């Protein structure tokens, strides 16, 4: 698939597609990069540009995104469920 390039990028933490449980014609992409530089490299890559063009015929509206930076990339322990 065209998104295989994203999975191999330095700084890519995850890249996962999911189908909406409310609307089976709607998909959600959750992707994460180690830092802003890795994200910028992703957006500037040839496979990103090819992916946009490959998706275009399937889209009925401009995609909506949430874009945020969070501190750290390591998983923290879940406070609500502690196993001793």
PDB file of N, CA and C in Angstrom:
ATOM      1  N   UNK A   1       0.836  -1.190   0.000  1.00  0.00           N
ATOM      2  CA  UNK A   1       0.000   0.000   0.000  1.00  0.00           C
ATOM      3  C   UNK A   1       0.881   1.253   0.000  1.00  0.00           C
ATOM      4  N   UNK A   2       0.313   2.366  -0.404  1.00  0.00           N
ATOM      5  CA  UNK A   2       1.080   3.604  -0.528  1.00  0.00           C
ATOM      6  C   UNK A   2       1.585   4.125   0.798  1.00  0.00           C
ATOM      7  N   UNK A   3       0.986   3.764   1.931  1.00  0.00           N
ATOM      8  CA  UNK A   3       1.421   4.319   3.212  1.00  0.00           C
ATOM      9  C   UNK A   3       2.581   3.559   3.824  1.00  0.00           C
ATOM     10  N   UNK A   4       3.075   2.533   3.151  1.00  0.00           N
ATOM     11  CA  UNK A   4       4.220   1.792   3.666  1.00  0.00           C
ATOM     12  C   UNK A   4       5.438   2.676   3.875  1.00  0.00           C
ATOM     13  N   UNK A   5       5.583   3.714   3.067  1.00  0.00           N
ATOM     14  CA  UNK A   5       6.709   4.623   3.227  1.00  0.00           C
ATOM     15  C   UNK A   5       6.681   5.343   4.554  1.00  0.00           C
ATOM     16  N   UNK A   6       5.512   5.710   5.029  1.00  0.00           N
ATOM     17  CA  UNK A   6       5.393   6.407   6.314  1.00  0.00           C
ATOM     18  C   UNK A   6       5.854   5.515   7.459  1.00  0.00           C
ATOM     19  N   UNK A   7       5.530   4.240   7.385  1.00  0.00           N
ATOM     20  CA  UNK A   7       5.916   3.318   8.453  1.00  0.00           C
ATOM     21  C   UNK A   7       7.428   3.180   8.569  1.00  0.00           C
ATOM     22  N   UNK A   8       8.140   3.370   7.464  1.00  0.00           N
ATOM     23  CA  UNK A   8       9.591   3.210   7.452  1.00  0.00           C
ATOM     24  C   UNK A   8      10.345   4.508   7.735  1.00  0.00           C
ATOM     25  N   UNK A   9       9.640   5.607   7.888  1.00  0.00           N
ATOM     26  CA  UNK A   9      10.305   6.897   8.096  1.00  0.00           C
ATOM     27  C   UNK A   9      10.996   6.968   9.453  1.00  0.00           C
ATOM     28  N   UNK A  10      12.189   7.566   9.492  1.00  0.00           N
ATOM     29  CA  UNK A  10      12.807   7.823  10.797  1.00  0.00           C
ATOM     30  C   UNK A  10      11.900   8.762  11.600  1.00  0.00           C
ATOM     31  N   UNK A  11      11.682   8.456  12.843  1.00  0.00           N
ATOM     32  CA  UNK A  11      10.846   9.304  13.684  1.00  0.00           C
ATOM     33  C   UNK A  11       9.376   8.949  13.671  1.00  0.00           C
ATOM     34  N   UNK A  12       8.963   7.999  12.830  1.00  0.00           N
ATOM     35  CA  UNK A  12       7.562   7.567  12.843  1.00  0.00           C
ATOM     36  C   UNK A  12       7.340   6.668  14.050  1.00  0.00           C
ATOM     37  N   UNK A  13       6.356   7.008  14.882  1.00  0.00           N
ATOM     38  CA  UNK A  13       6.042   6.203  16.063  1.00  0.00           C
ATOM     39  C   UNK A  13       4.897   5.239  15.782  1.00  0.00           C
ATOM     40  N   UNK A  14       3.865   5.690  15.064  1.00  0.00           N
ATOM     41  CA  UNK A  14       2.801   4.797  14.620  1.00  0.00           C
ATOM     42  C   UNK A  14       2.009   5.448  13.511  1.00  0.00           C
ATOM     43  N   UNK A  15       1.297   4.609  12.786  1.00  0.00           N
ATOM     44  CA  UNK A  15       0.525   5.028  11.619  1.00  0.00           C
ATOM     45  C   UNK A  15      -0.579   3.991  11.456  1.00  0.00           C
ATOM     46  N   UNK A  16      -1.770   4.293  11.949  1.00  0.00           N
ATOM     47  CA  UNK A  16      -2.848   3.308  11.990  1.00  0.00           C
ATOM     48  C   UNK A  16      -4.152   3.863  11.427  1.00  0.00           C
ATOM     49  N   UNK A  17      -4.770   3.098  10.546  1.00  0.00           N
ATOM     50  CA  UNK A  17      -6.084   3.426  10.006  1.00  0.00           C
ATOM     51  C   UNK A  17      -7.149   2.684  10.791  1.00  0.00           C
ATOM     52  N   UNK A  18      -8.275   3.340  11.043  1.00  0.00           N
ATOM     53  CA  UNK A  18      -9.436   2.707  11.671  1.00  0.00           C
ATOM     54  C   UNK A  18     -10.692   3.146  10.931  1.00  0.00           C
ATOM     55  N   UNK A  19     -11.689   2.280  10.936  1.00  0.00           N
ATOM     56  CA  UNK A  19     -12.985   2.619  10.342  1.00  0.00           C
ATOM     57  C   UNK A  19     -13.907   3.093  11.454  1.00  0.00           C
ATOM     58  N   UNK A  20     -14.645   4.149  11.221  1.00  0.00           N
ATOM     59  CA  UNK A  20     -15.585   4.681  12.204  1.00  0.00           C
ATOM     60  C   UNK A  20     -16.652   3.640  12.534  1.00  0.00           C
ATOM     61  N   UNK A  21     -16.948   3.483  13.820  1.00  0.00           N
ATOM     62  CA  UNK A  21     -18.022   2.565  14.213  1.00  0.00           C
ATOM     63  C   UNK A  21     -19.395   3.177  13.936  1.00  0.00           C
ATOM     64  N   UNK A  22     -19.470   4.496  13.836  1.00  0.00           N
ATOM     65  CA  UNK A  22     -20.739   5.178  13.563  1.00  0.00           C
ATOM     66  C   UNK A  22     -21.049   5.284  12.075  1.00  0.00           C
ATOM     67  N   UNK A  23     -20.005   5.385  11.261  1.00  0.00           N
ATOM     68  CA  UNK A  23     -20.189   5.565   9.821  1.00  0.00           C
ATOM     69  C   UNK A  23     -19.145   4.727   9.095  1.00  0.00           C
ATOM     70  N   UNK A  24     -19.518   3.569   8.554  1.00  0.00           N
ATOM     71  CA  UNK A  24     -18.539   2.685   7.924  1.00  0.00           C
ATOM     72  C   UNK A  24     -17.880   3.262   6.675  1.00  0.00           C
ATOM     73  N   UNK A  25     -18.382   4.383   6.176  1.00  0.00           N
ATOM     74  CA  UNK A  25     -17.725   5.018   5.033  1.00  0.00           C
ATOM     75  C   UNK A  25     -16.688   6.047   5.484  1.00  0.00           C
ATOM     76  N   UNK A  26     -16.535   6.217   6.793  1.00  0.00           N
ATOM     77  CA  UNK A  26     -15.583   7.192   7.343  1.00  0.00           C
ATOM     78  C   UNK A  26     -14.397   6.456   7.970  1.00  0.00           C
ATOM     79  N   UNK A  27     -13.204   6.936   7.661  1.00  0.00           N
ATOM     80  CA  UNK A  27     -11.983   6.350   8.200  1.00  0.00           C
ATOM     81  C   UNK A  27     -11.230   7.386   9.016  1.00  0.00           C
ATOM     82  N   UNK A  28     -10.484   6.906   9.978  1.00  0.00           N
ATOM     83  CA  UNK A  28      -9.676   7.765  10.839  1.00  0.00           C
ATOM     84  C   UNK A  28      -8.232   7.289  10.742  1.00  0.00           C
ATOM     85  N   UNK A  29      -7.329   8.224  10.550  1.00  0.00           N
ATOM     86  CA  UNK A  29      -5.898   7.923  10.542  1.00  0.00           C
ATOM     87  C   UNK A  29      -5.289   8.539  11.784  1.00  0.00           C
ATOM     88  N   UNK A  30      -4.598   7.732  12.562  1.00  0.00           N
ATOM     89  CA  UNK A  30      -3.874   8.216  13.736  1.00  0.00           C
ATOM     90  C   UNK A  30      -2.399   7.966  13.464  1.00  0.00           C
ATOM     91  N   UNK A  31      -1.641   9.038  13.415  1.00  0.00           N
ATOM     92  CA  UNK A  31      -0.207   8.910  13.162  1.00  0.00           C
ATOM     93  C   UNK A  31       0.549   9.766  14.157  1.00  0.00           C
ATOM     94  N   UNK A  32       1.759   9.347  14.472  1.00  0.00           N
ATOM     95  CA  UNK A  32       2.572  10.098  15.428  1.00  0.00           C
ATOM     96  C   UNK A  32       4.025  10.062  14.988  1.00  0.00           C
ATOM     97  N   UNK A  33       4.691  11.170  15.242  1.00  0.00           N
ATOM     98  CA  UNK A  33       6.103  11.307  14.905  1.00  0.00           C
ATOM     99  C   UNK A  33       6.864  11.785  16.132  1.00  0.00           C
ATOM    100  N   UNK A  34       8.115  11.401  16.222  1.00  0.00           N
ATOM    101  CA  UNK A  34       8.943  11.692  17.392  1.00  0.00           C
ATOM    102  C   UNK A  34       9.028  13.190  17.681  1.00  0.00           C
ATOM    103  N   UNK A  35       9.073  14.006  16.639  1.00  0.00           N
ATOM    104  CA  UNK A  35       9.184  15.454  16.840  1.00  0.00           C
ATOM    105  C   UNK A  35       8.685  16.177  15.591  1.00  0.00           C
ATOM    106  N   UNK A  36       8.677  17.502  15.667  1.00  0.00           N
ATOM    107  CA  UNK A  36       8.202  18.306  14.548  1.00  0.00           C
ATOM    108  C   UNK A  36       9.006  18.122  13.281  1.00  0.00           C
ATOM    109  N   UNK A  37      10.309  17.903  13.427  1.00  0.00           N
ATOM    110  CA  UNK A  37      11.146  17.685  12.244  1.00  0.00           C
ATOM    111  C   UNK A  37      10.746  16.407  11.511  1.00  0.00           C
ATOM    112  N   UNK A  38      10.467  15.346  12.276  1.00  0.00           N
ATOM    113  CA  UNK A  38      10.047  14.085  11.654  1.00  0.00           C
ATOM    114  C   UNK A  38       8.696  14.258  10.961  1.00  0.00           C
ATOM    115  N   UNK A  39       7.793  15.008  11.583  1.00  0.00           N
ATOM    116  CA  UNK A  39       6.498  15.277  10.961  1.00  0.00           C
ATOM    117  C   UNK A  39       6.637  16.099   9.690  1.00  0.00           C
ATOM    118  N   UNK A  40       7.516  17.087   9.721  1.00  0.00           N
ATOM    119  CA  UNK A  40       7.741  17.921   8.537  1.00  0.00           C
ATOM    120  C   UNK A  40       8.359  17.105   7.405  1.00  0.00           C
ATOM    121  N   UNK A  41       9.278  16.210   7.746  1.00  0.00           N
ATOM    122  CA  UNK A  41       9.880  15.348   6.729  1.00  0.00           C
ATOM    123  C   UNK A  41       8.811  14.453   6.101  1.00  0.00           C
ATOM    124  N   UNK A  42       7.890  13.973   6.911  1.00  0.00           N
ATOM    125  CA  UNK A  42       6.795  13.134   6.411  1.00  0.00           C
ATOM    126  C   UNK A  42       5.950  13.910   5.399  1.00  0.00           C
ATOM    127  N   UNK A  43       5.531  15.112   5.767  1.00  0.00           N
ATOM    128  CA  UNK A  43       4.681  15.917   4.887  1.00  0.00           C
ATOM    129  C   UNK A  43       5.413  16.310   3.605  1.00  0.00           C
ATOM    130  N   UNK A  44       6.733  16.434   3.669  1.00  0.00           N
ATOM    131  CA  UNK A  44       7.510  16.797   2.490  1.00  0.00           C
ATOM    132  C   UNK A  44       7.923  15.621   1.624  1.00  0.00           C
ATOM    133  N   UNK A  45       7.604  14.409   2.041  1.00  0.00           N
ATOM    134  CA  UNK A  45       8.066  13.216   1.316  1.00  0.00           C
ATOM    135  C   UNK A  45       7.253  12.970   0.043  1.00  0.00           C
ATOM    136  N   UNK A  46       7.893  12.296  -0.903  1.00  0.00           N
ATOM    137  CA  UNK A  46       7.205  11.941  -2.145  1.00  0.00           C
ATOM    138  C   UNK A  46       6.029  11.007  -1.884  1.00  0.00           C
ATOM    139  N   UNK A  47       6.204  10.041  -0.960  1.00  0.00           N
ATOM    140  CA  UNK A  47       5.104   9.099  -0.727  1.00  0.00           C
ATOM    141  C   UNK A  47       3.906   9.788  -0.067  1.00  0.00           C
ATOM    142  N   UNK A  48       4.138  10.847   0.715  1.00  0.00           N
ATOM    143  CA  UNK A  48       3.017  11.611   1.278  1.00  0.00           C
ATOM    144  C   UNK A  48       2.225  12.271   0.146  1.00  0.00           C
ATOM    145  N   UNK A  49       2.943  12.914  -0.758  1.00  0.00           N
ATOM    146  CA  UNK A  49       2.284  13.588  -1.881  1.00  0.00           C
ATOM    147  C   UNK A  49       1.535  12.595  -2.763  1.00  0.00           C
ATOM    148  N   UNK A  50       2.141  11.427  -3.003  1.00  0.00           N
ATOM    149  CA  UNK A  50       1.469  10.391  -3.794  1.00  0.00           C
ATOM    150  C   UNK A  50       0.234   9.876  -3.056  1.00  0.00           C
ATOM    151  N   UNK A  51       0.341   9.748  -1.744  1.00  0.00           N
ATOM    152  CA  UNK A  51      -0.792   9.286  -0.942  1.00  0.00           C
ATOM    153  C   UNK A  51      -1.969  10.240  -1.017  1.00  0.00           C
ATOM    154  N   UNK A  52      -1.682  11.541  -0.971  1.00  0.00           N
ATOM    155  CA  UNK A  52      -2.764  12.528  -1.085  1.00  0.00           C
ATOM    156  C   UNK A  52      -3.500  12.370  -2.409  1.00  0.00           C
ATOM    157  N   UNK A  53      -2.735  12.211  -3.475  1.00  0.00           N
ATOM    158  CA  UNK A  53      -3.356  12.067  -4.791  1.00  0.00           C
ATOM    159  C   UNK A  53      -4.120  10.751  -4.904  1.00  0.00           C
ATOM    160  N   UNK A  54      -3.619   9.696  -4.268  1.00  0.00           N
ATOM    161  CA  UNK A  54      -4.313   8.403  -4.306  1.00  0.00           C
ATOM    162  C   UNK A  54      -5.635   8.466  -3.545  1.00  0.00           C
ATOM    163  N   UNK A  55      -5.676   9.252  -2.471  1.00  0.00           N
ATOM    164  CA  UNK A  55      -6.900   9.376  -1.670  1.00  0.00           C
ATOM    165  C   UNK A  55      -7.944  10.279  -2.308  1.00  0.00           C
ATOM    166  N   UNK A  56      -7.495  11.245  -3.069  1.00  0.00           N
ATOM    167  CA  UNK A  56      -8.391  12.288  -3.594  1.00  0.00           C
ATOM    168  C   UNK A  56      -9.679  11.741  -4.227  1.00  0.00           C
ATOM    169  N   UNK A  57      -9.629  10.715  -5.085  1.00  0.00           N
ATOM    170  CA  UNK A  57     -10.875  10.234  -5.706  1.00  0.00           C
ATOM    171  C   UNK A  57     -11.876   9.635  -4.711  1.00  0.00           C
ATOM    172  N   UNK A  58     -11.409   9.191  -3.557  1.00  0.00           N
ATOM    173  CA  UNK A  58     -12.297   8.565  -2.571  1.00  0.00           C
ATOM    174  C   UNK A  58     -12.909   9.572  -1.598  1.00  0.00           C
ATOM    175  N   UNK A  59     -12.441  10.808  -1.620  1.00  0.00           N
ATOM    176  CA  UNK A  59     -12.893  11.805  -0.648  1.00  0.00           C
ATOM    177  C   UNK A  59     -14.109  12.572  -1.148  1.00  0.00           C
ATOM    178  N   UNK A  60     -15.014  12.861  -0.228  1.00  0.00           N
ATOM    179  CA  UNK A  60     -16.186  13.672  -0.562  1.00  0.00           C
ATOM    180  C   UNK A  60     -16.090  15.068   0.043  1.00  0.00           C
ATOM    181  N   UNK A  61     -15.113  15.279   0.929  1.00  0.00           N
ATOM    182  CA  UNK A  61     -14.883  16.594   1.528  1.00  0.00           C
ATOM    183  C   UNK A  61     -13.428  16.673   1.972  1.00  0.00           C
ATOM    184  N   UNK A  62     -12.988  17.886   2.248  1.00  0.00           N
ATOM    185  CA  UNK A  62     -11.630  18.084   2.747  1.00  0.00           C
ATOM    186  C   UNK A  62     -11.481  17.393   4.097  1.00  0.00           C
ATOM    187  N   UNK A  63     -10.446  16.574   4.261  1.00  0.00           N
ATOM    188  CA  UNK A  63     -10.261  15.881   5.544  1.00  0.00           C
ATOM    189  C   UNK A  63     -10.088  16.862   6.704  1.00  0.00           C
ATOM    190  N   UNK A  64     -10.564  16.456   7.863  1.00  0.00           N
ATOM    191  CA  UNK A  64     -10.396  17.227   9.096  1.00  0.00           C
ATOM    192  C   UNK A  64      -9.264  16.597   9.899  1.00  0.00           C
ATOM    193  N   UNK A  65      -8.472  17.429  10.577  1.00  0.00           N
ATOM    194  CA  UNK A  65      -7.358  16.900  11.352  1.00  0.00           C
ATOM    195  C   UNK A  65      -7.298  17.535  12.739  1.00  0.00           C
ATOM    196  N   UNK A  66      -6.699  16.818  13.650  1.00  0.00           N
ATOM    197  CA  UNK A  66      -6.233  17.352  14.934  1.00  0.00           C
ATOM    198  C   UNK A  66      -4.723  17.249  14.865  1.00  0.00           C
ATOM    199  N   UNK A  67      -4.042  18.333  15.102  1.00  0.00           N
ATOM    200  CA  UNK A  67      -2.585  18.337  15.046  1.00  0.00           C
ATOM    201  C   UNK A  67      -2.086  18.904  16.359  1.00  0.00           C
ATOM    202  N   UNK A  68      -1.357  18.099  17.113  1.00  0.00           N
ATOM    203  CA  UNK A  68      -0.877  18.575  18.406  1.00  0.00           C
ATOM    204  C   UNK A  68       0.469  17.965  18.731  1.00  0.00           C
ATOM    205  N   UNK A  69       1.212  18.679  19.548  1.00  0.00           N
ATOM    206  CA  UNK A  69       2.481  18.172  20.059  1.00  0.00           C
ATOM    207  C   UNK A  69       2.309  17.881  21.535  1.00  0.00           C
ATOM    208  N   UNK A  70       2.775  16.715  21.937  1.00  0.00           N
ATOM    209  CA  UNK A  70       2.710  16.334  23.343  1.00  0.00           C
ATOM    210  C   UNK A  70       4.123  16.095  23.847  1.00  0.00           C
ATOM    211  N   UNK A  71       4.365  16.362  25.126  1.00  0.00           N
ATOM    212  CA  UNK A  71       5.715  16.162  25.651  1.00  0.00           C
ATOM    213  C   UNK A  71       6.032  14.671  25.769  1.00  0.00           C
ATOM    214  N   UNK A  72       7.218  14.309  25.342  1.00  0.00           N
ATOM    215  CA  UNK A  72       7.672  12.931  25.488  1.00  0.00           C
ATOM    216  C   UNK A  72       7.103  11.995  24.446  1.00  0.00           C
ATOM    217  N   UNK A  73       7.748  10.840  24.314  1.00  0.00           N
ATOM    218  CA  UNK A  73       7.288   9.814  23.386  1.00  0.00           C
ATOM    219  C   UNK A  73       7.238   8.441  24.059  1.00  0.00           C
ATOM    220  N   UNK A  74       7.571   8.398  25.328  1.00  0.00           N
ATOM    221  CA  UNK A  74       7.551   7.131  26.053  1.00  0.00           C
ATOM    222  C   UNK A  74       6.190   6.939  26.711  1.00  0.00           C
ATOM    223  N   UNK A  75       5.758   5.704  26.835  1.00  0.00           N
ATOM    224  CA  UNK A  75       4.492   5.392  27.481  1.00  0.00           C
ATOM    225  C   UNK A  75       4.631   5.547  28.984  1.00  0.00           C
ATOM    226  N   UNK A  76       3.621   6.108  29.621  1.00  0.00           N
ATOM    227  CA  UNK A  76       3.567   6.224  31.078  1.00  0.00           C
ATOM    228  C   UNK A  76       2.682   5.100  31.612  1.00  0.00           C
ATOM    229  N   UNK A  77       2.830   4.802  32.868  1.00  0.00           N
ATOM    230  CA  UNK A  77       1.978   3.783  33.493  1.00  0.00           C
ATOM    231  C   UNK A  77       0.576   4.360  33.709  1.00  0.00           C
ATOM    232  N   UNK A  78      -0.419   3.518  33.562  1.00  0.00           N
ATOM    233  CA  UNK A  78      -1.813   3.919  33.745  1.00  0.00           C
ATOM    234  C   UNK A  78      -2.105   4.063  35.231  1.00  0.00           C
ATOM    235  N   UNK A  79      -2.509   5.252  35.656  1.00  0.00           N
ATOM    236  CA  UNK A  79      -2.764   5.509  37.065  1.00  0.00           C
ATOM    237  C   UNK A  79      -4.045   4.883  37.585  1.00  0.00           C
ATOM    238  N   UNK A  80      -5.001   4.645  36.702  1.00  0.00           N
ATOM    239  CA  UNK A  80      -6.300   4.124  37.123  1.00  0.00           C
ATOM    240  C   UNK A  80      -6.310   2.608  37.339  1.00  0.00           C
ATOM    241  N   UNK A  81      -5.267   1.915  36.892  1.00  0.00           N
ATOM    242  CA  UNK A  81      -5.231   0.455  37.014  1.00  0.00           C
ATOM    243  C   UNK A  81      -3.802   0.030  37.315  1.00  0.00           C
ATOM    244  N   UNK A  82      -3.517  -0.139  38.576  1.00  0.00           N
ATOM    245  CA  UNK A  82      -2.156  -0.495  38.994  1.00  0.00           C
ATOM    246  C   UNK A  82      -2.099  -1.968  39.359  1.00  0.00           C
ATOM    247  N   UNK A  83      -1.125  -2.650  38.817  1.00  0.00           N
ATOM    248  CA  UNK A  83      -0.897  -4.061  39.120  1.00  0.00           C
ATOM    249  C   UNK A  83       0.370  -4.150  39.964  1.00  0.00           C
ATOM    250  N   UNK A  84       0.242  -4.736  41.158  1.00  0.00           N
ATOM    251  CA  UNK A  84       1.425  -4.818  42.035  1.00  0.00           C
ATOM    252  C   UNK A  84       2.057  -6.190  41.984  1.00  0.00           C
TER     253      UNK A  84
END
